[in-house]
Amino acid sequence: MQEIGIEGYATNYAGLGGKIRTSAKDFEVHEIIEGNILNSIEKEYSQQRFAIFTLEKTNIDSIHAAKIASRLFGVKVRILGLKDSRAYTTQYLAVRAVKNMQPSLKKSDITLNLLGY
């Protein structure tokens, strides 16, 4: 373990043999936005500039998930931040709005659900 900087342990006991994470669902990250912002999202299309989606992803980093979403929409998408890749995460994604957008899209390890505009 010296190659990663661990030169000793605090105890002389052997480990329990357990694992902290065995699947993506063992580590969840959920992006939180203030309620007043979420409440300001309009449910119906009204010539707003952007559509707001929740992005659910499993075992994929945010950049690759955004690239997949971008290909699905055919335009650049915007995400608010980077989330863990070895986890189940939810975050928000914005894309230029068009009338009659799909309310839900699924591809590979990502799911997009339309919140509003």
C-alpha atoms as a PDB file:
ATOM      1  CA  MET A   1       0.000   0.000   0.000  1.00  0.00           C
ATOM      2  CA  GLN A   2       3.008   2.283   0.153  1.00  0.00           C
ATOM      3  CA  GLU A   3       2.650   2.979  -3.572  1.00  0.00           C
ATOM      4  CA  ILE A   4      -0.528   4.956  -2.815  1.00  0.00           C
ATOM      5  CA  GLY A   5       0.820   6.697   0.268  1.00  0.00           C
ATOM      6  CA  ILE A   6      -0.461   4.420   3.050  1.00  0.00           C
ATOM      7  CA  GLU A   7       2.443   3.500   5.262  1.00  0.00           C
ATOM      8  CA  GLY A   8       0.541   2.121   8.218  1.00  0.00           C
ATOM      9  CA  TYR A   9      -2.865   1.596   9.766  1.00  0.00           C
ATOM     10  CA  ALA A  10      -4.247   2.989  13.024  1.00  0.00           C
ATOM     11  CA  THR A  11      -4.941  -0.545  14.307  1.00  0.00           C
ATOM     12  CA  ASN A  12      -3.375  -3.958  13.928  1.00  0.00           C
ATOM     13  CA  TYR A  13      -6.740  -5.642  13.242  1.00  0.00           C
ATOM     14  CA  ALA A  14      -7.565  -7.347   9.993  1.00  0.00           C
ATOM     15  CA  GLY A  15     -10.431  -5.859   8.030  1.00  0.00           C
ATOM     16  CA  LEU A  16     -13.951  -7.259   8.130  1.00  0.00           C
ATOM     17  CA  GLY A  17     -13.876  -8.178   4.459  1.00  0.00           C
ATOM     18  CA  GLY A  18     -16.878  -6.013   3.614  1.00  0.00           C
ATOM     19  CA  LYS A  19     -17.402  -3.679   0.679  1.00  0.00           C
ATOM     20  CA  ILE A  20     -18.739  -0.150   0.800  1.00  0.00           C
ATOM     21  CA  ARG A  21     -20.214  -0.160  -2.716  1.00  0.00           C
ATOM     22  CA  THR A  22     -21.189  -3.121  -4.830  1.00  0.00           C
ATOM     23  CA  SER A  23     -23.612  -1.397  -7.235  1.00  0.00           C
ATOM     24  CA  ALA A  24     -24.351   2.104  -8.511  1.00  0.00           C
ATOM     25  CA  LYS A  25     -27.480   2.291  -6.328  1.00  0.00           C
ATOM     26  CA  ASP A  26     -25.243   2.026  -3.243  1.00  0.00           C
ATOM     27  CA  PHE A  27     -24.127   5.625  -3.901  1.00  0.00           C
ATOM     28  CA  GLU A  28     -26.769   8.160  -4.933  1.00  0.00           C
ATOM     29  CA  VAL A  29     -26.283  11.849  -5.712  1.00  0.00           C
ATOM     30  CA  HIS A  30     -29.273  14.147  -6.265  1.00  0.00           C
ATOM     31  CA  GLU A  31     -28.897  17.734  -7.408  1.00  0.00           C
ATOM     32  CA  ILE A  32     -31.093  20.149  -5.452  1.00  0.00           C
ATOM     33  CA  ILE A  33     -32.450  23.455  -6.740  1.00  0.00           C
ATOM     34  CA  GLU A  34     -34.235  25.992  -4.574  1.00  0.00           C
ATOM     35  CA  GLY A  35     -38.001  25.597  -4.497  1.00  0.00           C
ATOM     36  CA  ASN A  36     -38.737  29.076  -5.856  1.00  0.00           C
ATOM     37  CA  ILE A  37     -36.702  28.271  -8.979  1.00  0.00           C
ATOM     38  CA  LEU A  38     -38.457  24.931  -9.465  1.00  0.00           C
ATOM     39  CA  ASN A  39     -41.835  26.624  -8.935  1.00  0.00           C
ATOM     40  CA  SER A  40     -41.039  29.165 -11.660  1.00  0.00           C
ATOM     41  CA  ILE A  41     -40.736  26.437 -14.314  1.00  0.00           C
ATOM     42  CA  GLU A  42     -43.801  26.604 -16.550  1.00  0.00           C
ATOM     43  CA  LYS A  43     -45.442  23.293 -17.413  1.00  0.00           C
ATOM     44  CA  GLU A  44     -46.717  24.334 -20.848  1.00  0.00           C
ATOM     45  CA  TYR A  45     -44.608  25.507 -23.793  1.00  0.00           C
ATOM     46  CA  SER A  46     -44.917  29.266 -24.126  1.00  0.00           C
ATOM     47  CA  GLN A  47     -42.042  30.329 -26.376  1.00  0.00           C
ATOM     48  CA  GLN A  48     -39.558  30.045 -23.521  1.00  0.00           C
ATOM     49  CA  ARG A  49     -35.900  29.751 -24.504  1.00  0.00           C
ATOM     50  CA  PHE A  50     -35.116  26.485 -22.707  1.00  0.00           C
ATOM     51  CA  ALA A  51     -36.764  23.244 -21.725  1.00  0.00           C
ATOM     52  CA  ILE A  52     -35.653  21.872 -18.346  1.00  0.00           C
ATOM     53  CA  PHE A  53     -35.234  18.116 -17.917  1.00  0.00           C
ATOM     54  CA  THR A  54     -34.167  15.905 -15.071  1.00  0.00           C
ATOM     55  CA  LEU A  55     -31.261  13.722 -16.122  1.00  0.00           C
ATOM     56  CA  GLU A  56     -31.033  10.364 -14.371  1.00  0.00           C
ATOM     57  CA  LYS A  57     -27.843   8.440 -15.034  1.00  0.00           C
ATOM     58  CA  THR A  58     -26.217   5.252 -13.803  1.00  0.00           C
ATOM     59  CA  ASN A  59     -22.491   4.489 -14.011  1.00  0.00           C
ATOM     60  CA  ILE A  60     -21.786   7.214 -16.561  1.00  0.00           C
ATOM     61  CA  ASP A  61     -20.093  10.567 -16.063  1.00  0.00           C
ATOM     62  CA  SER A  62     -21.973  13.826 -16.634  1.00  0.00           C
ATOM     63  CA  ILE A  63     -20.001  14.845 -19.719  1.00  0.00           C
ATOM     64  CA  HIS A  64     -20.732  11.602 -21.583  1.00  0.00           C
ATOM     65  CA  ALA A  65     -24.376  11.699 -20.474  1.00  0.00           C
ATOM     66  CA  ALA A  66     -24.638  15.262 -21.841  1.00  0.00           C
ATOM     67  CA  LYS A  67     -23.117  14.107 -25.153  1.00  0.00           C
ATOM     68  CA  ILE A  68     -25.715  11.335 -25.421  1.00  0.00           C
ATOM     69  CA  ALA A  69     -28.498  13.813 -24.614  1.00  0.00           C
ATOM     70  CA  SER A  70     -27.079  16.253 -27.161  1.00  0.00           C
ATOM     71  CA  ARG A  71     -27.242  13.561 -29.859  1.00  0.00           C
ATOM     72  CA  LEU A  72     -30.833  12.719 -28.878  1.00  0.00           C
ATOM     73  CA  PHE A  73     -31.922  16.363 -29.193  1.00  0.00           C
ATOM     74  CA  GLY A  74     -29.647  17.249 -32.096  1.00  0.00           C
ATOM     75  CA  VAL A  75     -28.429  20.388 -30.307  1.00  0.00           C
ATOM     76  CA  LYS A  76     -26.072  21.341 -27.501  1.00  0.00           C
ATOM     77  CA  VAL A  77     -27.390  20.774 -23.985  1.00  0.00           C
ATOM     78  CA  ARG A  78     -26.387  22.458 -20.752  1.00  0.00           C
ATOM     79  CA  ILE A  79     -25.903  20.773 -17.385  1.00  0.00           C
ATOM     80  CA  LEU A  80     -25.466  22.520 -14.068  1.00  0.00           C
ATOM     81  CA  GLY A  81     -22.519  20.520 -12.802  1.00  0.00           C
ATOM     82  CA  LEU A  82     -20.552  17.323 -12.800  1.00  0.00           C
ATOM     83  CA  LYS A  83     -21.771  14.352 -10.783  1.00  0.00           C
ATOM     84  CA  ASP A  84     -20.105  11.077  -9.845  1.00  0.00           C
ATOM     85  CA  SER A  85     -19.717   8.530 -12.596  1.00  0.00           C
ATOM     86  CA  ARG A  86     -19.804   5.399 -10.410  1.00  0.00           C
ATOM     87  CA  ALA A  87     -23.208   6.138  -8.909  1.00  0.00           C
ATOM     88  CA  TYR A  88     -26.892   6.660  -9.569  1.00  0.00           C
ATOM     89  CA  THR A  89     -27.394  10.409  -9.972  1.00  0.00           C
ATOM     90  CA  THR A  90     -30.096  12.898 -10.859  1.00  0.00           C
ATOM     91  CA  GLN A  91     -29.398  16.402 -12.061  1.00  0.00           C
ATOM     92  CA  TYR A  92     -30.905  19.106 -14.245  1.00  0.00           C
ATOM     93  CA  LEU A  93     -30.325  19.646 -17.940  1.00  0.00           C
ATOM     94  CA  ALA A  94     -31.424  22.497 -20.208  1.00  0.00           C
ATOM     95  CA  VAL A  95     -31.926  22.378 -23.966  1.00  0.00           C
ATOM     96  CA  ARG A  96     -33.226  24.973 -26.415  1.00  0.00           C
ATOM     97  CA  ALA A  97     -37.002  24.560 -26.337  1.00  0.00           C
ATOM     98  CA  VAL A  98     -39.118  23.525 -29.275  1.00  0.00           C
ATOM     99  CA  LYS A  99     -42.834  22.936 -29.370  1.00  0.00           C
ATOM    100  CA  ASN A 100     -44.031  19.367 -28.629  1.00  0.00           C
ATOM    101  CA  MET A 101     -40.836  18.099 -26.989  1.00  0.00           C
ATOM    102  CA  GLN A 102     -40.760  14.457 -25.937  1.00  0.00           C
ATOM    103  CA  PRO A 103     -41.778  14.262 -22.249  1.00  0.00           C
ATOM    104  CA  SER A 104     -39.416  11.363 -21.602  1.00  0.00           C
ATOM    105  CA  LEU A 105     -36.367   9.926 -23.389  1.00  0.00           C
ATOM    106  CA  LYS A 106     -34.260   6.899 -22.507  1.00  0.00           C
ATOM    107  CA  LYS A 107     -30.982   5.854 -24.077  1.00  0.00           C
ATOM    108  CA  SER A 108     -28.304   3.586 -22.702  1.00  0.00           C
ATOM    109  CA  ASP A 109     -27.672   4.526 -19.056  1.00  0.00           C
ATOM    110  CA  ILE A 110     -29.556   7.852 -19.065  1.00  0.00           C
ATOM    111  CA  THR A 111     -33.190   8.870 -18.713  1.00  0.00           C
ATOM    112  CA  LEU A 112     -34.499  12.383 -19.426  1.00  0.00           C
ATOM    113  CA  ASN A 113     -37.828  13.632 -18.061  1.00  0.00           C
ATOM    114  CA  LEU A 114     -39.272  17.007 -19.082  1.00  0.00           C
ATOM    115  CA  LEU A 115     -40.033  19.287 -16.109  1.00  0.00           C
ATOM    116  CA  GLY A 116     -41.149  22.311 -18.079  1.00  0.00           C
ATOM    117  CA  TYR A 117     -39.971  25.545 -19.691  1.00  0.00           C
END
